[in-house]
Structures are given as C-alpha cells and as structure tokens.
Amino acid sequence: MTDLAPLFDDAAALVTRCAQRGLMIATAESCTGGLIAGVLTEVPGSSAVLDRGFVTYSNEAKMEMIGVPGALIETHGAVSREVALAMAEGALAASRADLAVAVTGIAGPGGGSPDKPVGLVHFGIARKGQPTQHVEERFGPEESRGAIRLATVRRALAALSNFIDP
C-alpha cells in the first residue's frame, strides 16, 4: 500500500492555487491506478478543482475512455511519450477540466525490458490553449513498486503546479 501522507501538503497547495484561479483538473492514470486523484481528494474543497480521474490501466481503457488511438499503442507501446501525450489530451477532451496530467510507466517489480526498464514513467501535461508537455522520469529500478508510484504522484503534482501559470 502506498502511503500518500507525505504528499498532502503538495496536493493542498495545488488545490488552493487552482481554486484561486478557477482551474479544474483531470487525471489519466495507468501505473498509479488513481493515486493522483486520490491524494487530491484528501484535500478539503478539492471538489471545486478535481473534475474527474480516469484510471486507464489497460490498453482498452486508454482507447475507450480517453480516445488513445490503438495504432499509437501498437507502434510505440503503452509506456511511451506518444501515449502519455495522447492520454493527457484525451483526458482534457473528455472532461470539463482546464488542466490534465497523464502517467504511464513500469512500476515493477517485473515488466521491464532493456528499452523500458522498471522505473520508467512518461508524463503528459495538457492545458487548454497550450502545447501539451512531456516529461520522462527514470526512477531507480532498485526502488520498490510503492516508492516508484509515490515518486510518480509527487512528480505529477509538481508538473501540474508548474503548468498553472503559463
């Protein structure tokens, strides 16, 4: 079980900043399985900021819920820059949100390969009217599954925070 308590302050700061600016957030989560939305909803008043969260763990969910093209997944793999960007843009399009963050990665302990090792996470960050951004992180493969997921949530909150003021 991933302990989200160390992220409560970051989540509260993000919720406050978004509320002050009238911004809503959507999440599209694969490797975190809803933890980003979960930590945001720990904050009182987050209902004014979090529009919805999509847990798109399977490829089918990515395609059906947020419109990620199947050909994109076939060509690049679910854990890729291209899919992370499509996930963020799809979450934005399928919601009332102004900002969206998407994460897809390999939390381990298995499932990695030389090209896509355990700890690899791709982030997509979208905002209406702005180019979608990509961030790639390679959290240590020696980290536990929980540590990789926690680091992913931390990085996602920071990415959203950096995208609030263009």
C-alpha atoms as a PDB file:
ATOM      1  CA  MET A   1       0.000   0.000   0.000  1.00  0.00           C
ATOM      2  CA  THR A   2       1.355   3.401  -0.976  1.00  0.00           C
ATOM      3  CA  ASP A   3       1.335   5.965   1.835  1.00  0.00           C
ATOM      4  CA  LEU A   4       0.255   9.283   0.328  1.00  0.00           C
ATOM      5  CA  ALA A   5       0.609  11.299   3.563  1.00  0.00           C
ATOM      6  CA  PRO A   6       3.981  12.807   2.508  1.00  0.00           C
ATOM      7  CA  LEU A   7       2.203  14.396  -0.475  1.00  0.00           C
ATOM      8  CA  PHE A   8      -0.730  16.018   1.332  1.00  0.00           C
ATOM      9  CA  ASP A   9       0.956  19.436   1.588  1.00  0.00           C
ATOM     10  CA  ASP A  10       1.811  19.447  -2.130  1.00  0.00           C
ATOM     11  CA  ALA A  11      -1.733  18.402  -3.003  1.00  0.00           C
ATOM     12  CA  ALA A  12      -3.236  21.076  -0.751  1.00  0.00           C
ATOM     13  CA  ALA A  13      -1.042  23.775  -2.301  1.00  0.00           C
ATOM     14  CA  LEU A  14      -2.053  22.661  -5.796  1.00  0.00           C
ATOM     15  CA  VAL A  15      -5.750  22.617  -4.922  1.00  0.00           C
ATOM     16  CA  THR A  16      -5.508  26.090  -3.379  1.00  0.00           C
ATOM     17  CA  ARG A  17      -3.714  27.566  -6.401  1.00  0.00           C
ATOM     18  CA  CYS A  18      -6.176  26.027  -8.852  1.00  0.00           C
ATOM     19  CA  ALA A  19      -9.174  27.157  -6.782  1.00  0.00           C
ATOM     20  CA  GLN A  20      -7.833  30.729  -6.679  1.00  0.00           C
ATOM     21  CA  ARG A  21      -7.578  30.725 -10.475  1.00  0.00           C
ATOM     22  CA  GLY A  22     -10.818  28.859 -11.167  1.00  0.00           C
ATOM     23  CA  LEU A  23      -8.990  25.946 -12.801  1.00  0.00           C
ATOM     24  CA  MET A  24     -10.182  22.349 -12.876  1.00  0.00           C
ATOM     25  CA  ILE A  25      -8.005  19.234 -13.172  1.00  0.00           C
ATOM     26  CA  ALA A  26      -8.474  15.840 -14.797  1.00  0.00           C
ATOM     27  CA  THR A  27      -6.146  12.888 -14.367  1.00  0.00           C
ATOM     28  CA  ALA A  28      -5.441   9.921 -16.650  1.00  0.00           C
ATOM     29  CA  GLU A  29      -3.568   7.298 -14.689  1.00  0.00           C
ATOM     30  CA  SER A  30      -2.091   3.975 -15.615  1.00  0.00           C
ATOM     31  CA  CYS A  31       0.798   2.963 -13.344  1.00  0.00           C
ATOM     32  CA  THR A  32      -0.559   4.966 -10.396  1.00  0.00           C
ATOM     33  CA  GLY A  33      -4.034   3.448 -10.585  1.00  0.00           C
ATOM     34  CA  GLY A  34      -5.839   6.559  -9.330  1.00  0.00           C
ATOM     35  CA  LEU A  35      -3.384   7.697  -6.655  1.00  0.00           C
ATOM     36  CA  ILE A  36      -3.053  11.216  -8.107  1.00  0.00           C
ATOM     37  CA  ALA A  37      -6.803  11.761  -7.935  1.00  0.00           C
ATOM     38  CA  GLY A  38      -6.803  10.035  -4.562  1.00  0.00           C
ATOM     39  CA  VAL A  39      -4.311  12.397  -2.976  1.00  0.00           C
ATOM     40  CA  LEU A  40      -6.105  15.415  -4.427  1.00  0.00           C
ATOM     41  CA  THR A  41      -9.385  14.284  -2.887  1.00  0.00           C
ATOM     42  CA  GLU A  42      -7.727  14.146   0.530  1.00  0.00           C
ATOM     43  CA  VAL A  43      -7.800  17.954   0.428  1.00  0.00           C
ATOM     44  CA  PRO A  44     -10.972  19.610   1.751  1.00  0.00           C
ATOM     45  CA  GLY A  45     -12.521  21.649  -1.031  1.00  0.00           C
ATOM     46  CA  SER A  46     -10.942  19.606  -3.797  1.00  0.00           C
ATOM     47  CA  SER A  47     -14.352  19.105  -5.415  1.00  0.00           C
ATOM     48  CA  ALA A  48     -14.028  22.669  -6.729  1.00  0.00           C
ATOM     49  CA  VAL A  49     -10.836  21.677  -8.523  1.00  0.00           C
ATOM     50  CA  LEU A  50     -10.836  17.971  -9.446  1.00  0.00           C
ATOM     51  CA  ASP A  51     -13.274  17.363 -12.282  1.00  0.00           C
ATOM     52  CA  ARG A  52     -12.564  13.657 -12.771  1.00  0.00           C
ATOM     53  CA  GLY A  53      -9.949  10.957 -12.847  1.00  0.00           C
ATOM     54  CA  PHE A  54      -9.588   8.238 -15.442  1.00  0.00           C
ATOM     55  CA  VAL A  55      -7.900   5.019 -14.343  1.00  0.00           C
ATOM     56  CA  THR A  56      -6.768   3.644 -17.682  1.00  0.00           C
ATOM     57  CA  TYR A  57      -4.693   0.695 -16.587  1.00  0.00           C
ATOM     58  CA  SER A  58      -5.438  -1.457 -19.632  1.00  0.00           C
ATOM     59  CA  ASN A  59      -4.833  -0.526 -23.255  1.00  0.00           C
ATOM     60  CA  GLU A  60      -8.559  -0.934 -23.873  1.00  0.00           C
ATOM     61  CA  ALA A  61      -9.356   1.615 -21.164  1.00  0.00           C
ATOM     62  CA  LYS A  62      -6.910   4.076 -22.708  1.00  0.00           C
ATOM     63  CA  MET A  63      -8.660   3.693 -26.059  1.00  0.00           C
ATOM     64  CA  GLU A  64     -12.272   3.550 -24.848  1.00  0.00           C
ATOM     65  CA  MET A  65     -12.242   6.138 -22.055  1.00  0.00           C
ATOM     66  CA  ILE A  66      -9.912   8.829 -23.370  1.00  0.00           C
ATOM     67  CA  GLY A  67      -9.556   8.072 -27.064  1.00  0.00           C
ATOM     68  CA  VAL A  68      -5.924   6.988 -27.289  1.00  0.00           C
ATOM     69  CA  PRO A  69      -5.548   5.563 -30.804  1.00  0.00           C
ATOM     70  CA  GLY A  70      -4.885   1.832 -30.817  1.00  0.00           C
ATOM     71  CA  ALA A  71      -2.318   2.289 -33.580  1.00  0.00           C
ATOM     72  CA  LEU A  72      -0.341   4.606 -31.298  1.00  0.00           C
ATOM     73  CA  ILE A  73      -0.195   1.934 -28.599  1.00  0.00           C
ATOM     74  CA  GLU A  74       0.756  -0.739 -31.145  1.00  0.00           C
ATOM     75  CA  THR A  75       3.512   1.389 -32.664  1.00  0.00           C
ATOM     76  CA  HIS A  76       5.061   2.908 -29.537  1.00  0.00           C
ATOM     77  CA  GLY A  77       3.792   0.769 -26.662  1.00  0.00           C
ATOM     78  CA  ALA A  78       1.574   1.834 -23.794  1.00  0.00           C
ATOM     79  CA  VAL A  79       4.597   3.151 -21.895  1.00  0.00           C
ATOM     80  CA  SER A  80       5.754   5.861 -24.275  1.00  0.00           C
ATOM     81  CA  ARG A  81       5.966   9.596 -24.795  1.00  0.00           C
ATOM     82  CA  GLU A  82       3.354   9.422 -27.535  1.00  0.00           C
ATOM     83  CA  VAL A  83       0.794   7.580 -25.423  1.00  0.00           C
ATOM     84  CA  ALA A  84       1.338   9.858 -22.402  1.00  0.00           C
ATOM     85  CA  LEU A  85       0.669  12.919 -24.565  1.00  0.00           C
ATOM     86  CA  ALA A  86      -2.430  11.315 -26.095  1.00  0.00           C
ATOM     87  CA  MET A  87      -3.672  10.345 -22.640  1.00  0.00           C
ATOM     88  CA  ALA A  88      -3.345  13.915 -21.335  1.00  0.00           C
ATOM     89  CA  GLU A  89      -5.043  15.376 -24.396  1.00  0.00           C
ATOM     90  CA  GLY A  90      -7.766  12.725 -24.232  1.00  0.00           C
ATOM     91  CA  ALA A  91      -8.451  13.412 -20.551  1.00  0.00           C
ATOM     92  CA  LEU A  92      -8.742  17.105 -21.298  1.00  0.00           C
ATOM     93  CA  ALA A  93     -11.136  16.457 -24.197  1.00  0.00           C
ATOM     94  CA  ALA A  94     -13.282  14.010 -22.187  1.00  0.00           C
ATOM     95  CA  SER A  95     -13.697  16.341 -19.213  1.00  0.00           C
ATOM     96  CA  ARG A  96     -14.562  19.878 -18.175  1.00  0.00           C
ATOM     97  CA  ALA A  97     -11.017  20.380 -16.922  1.00  0.00           C
ATOM     98  CA  ASP A  98      -8.599  23.138 -17.826  1.00  0.00           C
ATOM     99  CA  LEU A  99      -5.536  21.049 -16.933  1.00  0.00           C
ATOM    100  CA  ALA A 100      -4.827  17.351 -17.266  1.00  0.00           C
ATOM    101  CA  VAL A 101      -1.989  15.123 -16.211  1.00  0.00           C
ATOM    102  CA  ALA A 102      -1.388  11.617 -17.526  1.00  0.00           C
ATOM    103  CA  VAL A 103       1.044   8.975 -16.332  1.00  0.00           C
ATOM    104  CA  THR A 104       2.072   5.678 -17.882  1.00  0.00           C
ATOM    105  CA  GLY A 105       5.013   3.647 -16.701  1.00  0.00           C
ATOM    106  CA  ILE A 106       6.505   0.479 -15.316  1.00  0.00           C
ATOM    107  CA  ALA A 107       6.292   0.347 -11.529  1.00  0.00           C
ATOM    108  CA  GLY A 108       7.697  -3.173 -11.273  1.00  0.00           C
ATOM    109  CA  PRO A 109       8.971  -5.267  -9.848  1.00  0.00           C
ATOM    110  CA  GLY A 110       8.584  -7.105 -13.177  1.00  0.00           C
ATOM    111  CA  GLY A 111       7.563  -5.993 -16.630  1.00  0.00           C
ATOM    112  CA  GLY A 112      10.664  -4.043 -17.551  1.00  0.00           C
ATOM    113  CA  SER A 113      12.934  -4.504 -20.546  1.00  0.00           C
ATOM    114  CA  PRO A 114      16.286  -3.028 -21.607  1.00  0.00           C
ATOM    115  CA  ASP A 115      14.458  -0.330 -23.607  1.00  0.00           C
ATOM    116  CA  LYS A 116      11.771   0.248 -20.994  1.00  0.00           C
ATOM    117  CA  PRO A 117      13.181  -0.577 -17.564  1.00  0.00           C
ATOM    118  CA  VAL A 118      11.332  -0.738 -14.282  1.00  0.00           C
ATOM    119  CA  GLY A 119      11.028   2.828 -13.009  1.00  0.00           C
ATOM    120  CA  LEU A 120      10.430   4.405 -16.436  1.00  0.00           C
ATOM    121  CA  VAL A 121       7.447   6.775 -16.339  1.00  0.00           C
ATOM    122  CA  HIS A 122       6.138   9.090 -19.049  1.00  0.00           C
ATOM    123  CA  PHE A 123       4.044  12.116 -18.077  1.00  0.00           C
ATOM    124  CA  GLY A 124       1.784  14.168 -20.302  1.00  0.00           C
ATOM    125  CA  ILE A 125       0.576  17.548 -19.082  1.00  0.00           C
ATOM    126  CA  ALA A 126      -2.110  19.353 -21.073  1.00  0.00           C
ATOM    127  CA  ARG A 127      -3.750  22.731 -20.689  1.00  0.00           C
ATOM    128  CA  LYS A 128      -6.449  24.204 -22.879  1.00  0.00           C
ATOM    129  CA  GLY A 129      -4.926  26.522 -25.455  1.00  0.00           C
ATOM    130  CA  GLN A 130      -1.320  25.446 -24.844  1.00  0.00           C
ATOM    131  CA  PRO A 131       1.003  22.821 -26.288  1.00  0.00           C
ATOM    132  CA  THR A 132       0.965  19.557 -24.371  1.00  0.00           C
ATOM    133  CA  GLN A 133       4.167  18.898 -22.462  1.00  0.00           C
ATOM    134  CA  HIS A 134       6.034  15.647 -21.897  1.00  0.00           C
ATOM    135  CA  VAL A 135       8.297  14.655 -19.020  1.00  0.00           C
ATOM    136  CA  GLU A 136      10.199  11.386 -18.775  1.00  0.00           C
ATOM    137  CA  GLU A 137      11.469  10.103 -15.452  1.00  0.00           C
ATOM    138  CA  ARG A 138      13.563   7.059 -14.714  1.00  0.00           C
ATOM    139  CA  PHE A 139      13.077   6.272 -11.078  1.00  0.00           C
ATOM    140  CA  GLY A 140      15.578   3.725  -9.819  1.00  0.00           C
ATOM    141  CA  PRO A 141      14.771   0.110 -10.645  1.00  0.00           C
ATOM    142  CA  GLU A 142      16.004  -0.762  -7.172  1.00  0.00           C
ATOM    143  CA  GLU A 143      13.085   1.206  -5.745  1.00  0.00           C
ATOM    144  CA  SER A 144      10.032  -0.700  -4.607  1.00  0.00           C
ATOM    145  CA  ARG A 145       6.776  -0.598  -6.553  1.00  0.00           C
ATOM    146  CA  GLY A 146       5.302   1.662  -3.876  1.00  0.00           C
ATOM    147  CA  ALA A 147       8.262   4.047  -3.984  1.00  0.00           C
ATOM    148  CA  ILE A 148       8.055   4.349  -7.770  1.00  0.00           C
ATOM    149  CA  ARG A 149       4.324   5.036  -7.606  1.00  0.00           C
ATOM    150  CA  LEU A 150       4.782   7.605  -4.823  1.00  0.00           C
ATOM    151  CA  ALA A 151       7.551   9.358  -6.771  1.00  0.00           C
ATOM    152  CA  THR A 152       5.292   9.370  -9.827  1.00  0.00           C
ATOM    153  CA  VAL A 153       2.458  11.041  -7.915  1.00  0.00           C
ATOM    154  CA  ARG A 154       4.897  13.612  -6.472  1.00  0.00           C
ATOM    155  CA  ARG A 155       6.231  14.431  -9.951  1.00  0.00           C
ATOM    156  CA  ALA A 156       2.704  14.646 -11.396  1.00  0.00           C
ATOM    157  CA  LEU A 157       1.645  17.159  -8.719  1.00  0.00           C
ATOM    158  CA  ALA A 158       4.756  19.232  -9.445  1.00  0.00           C
ATOM    159  CA  ALA A 159       4.126  19.107 -13.194  1.00  0.00           C
ATOM    160  CA  LEU A 160       0.551  20.331 -12.722  1.00  0.00           C
ATOM    161  CA  SER A 161       1.735  23.057 -10.369  1.00  0.00           C
ATOM    162  CA  ASN A 162       4.286  24.249 -12.939  1.00  0.00           C
ATOM    163  CA  PHE A 163       1.565  24.433 -15.596  1.00  0.00           C
ATOM    164  CA  ILE A 164      -0.860  26.617 -13.630  1.00  0.00           C
ATOM    165  CA  ASP A 165       0.662  29.968 -14.536  1.00  0.00           C
ATOM    166  CA  PRO A 166       1.620  29.978 -18.225  1.00  0.00           C
END
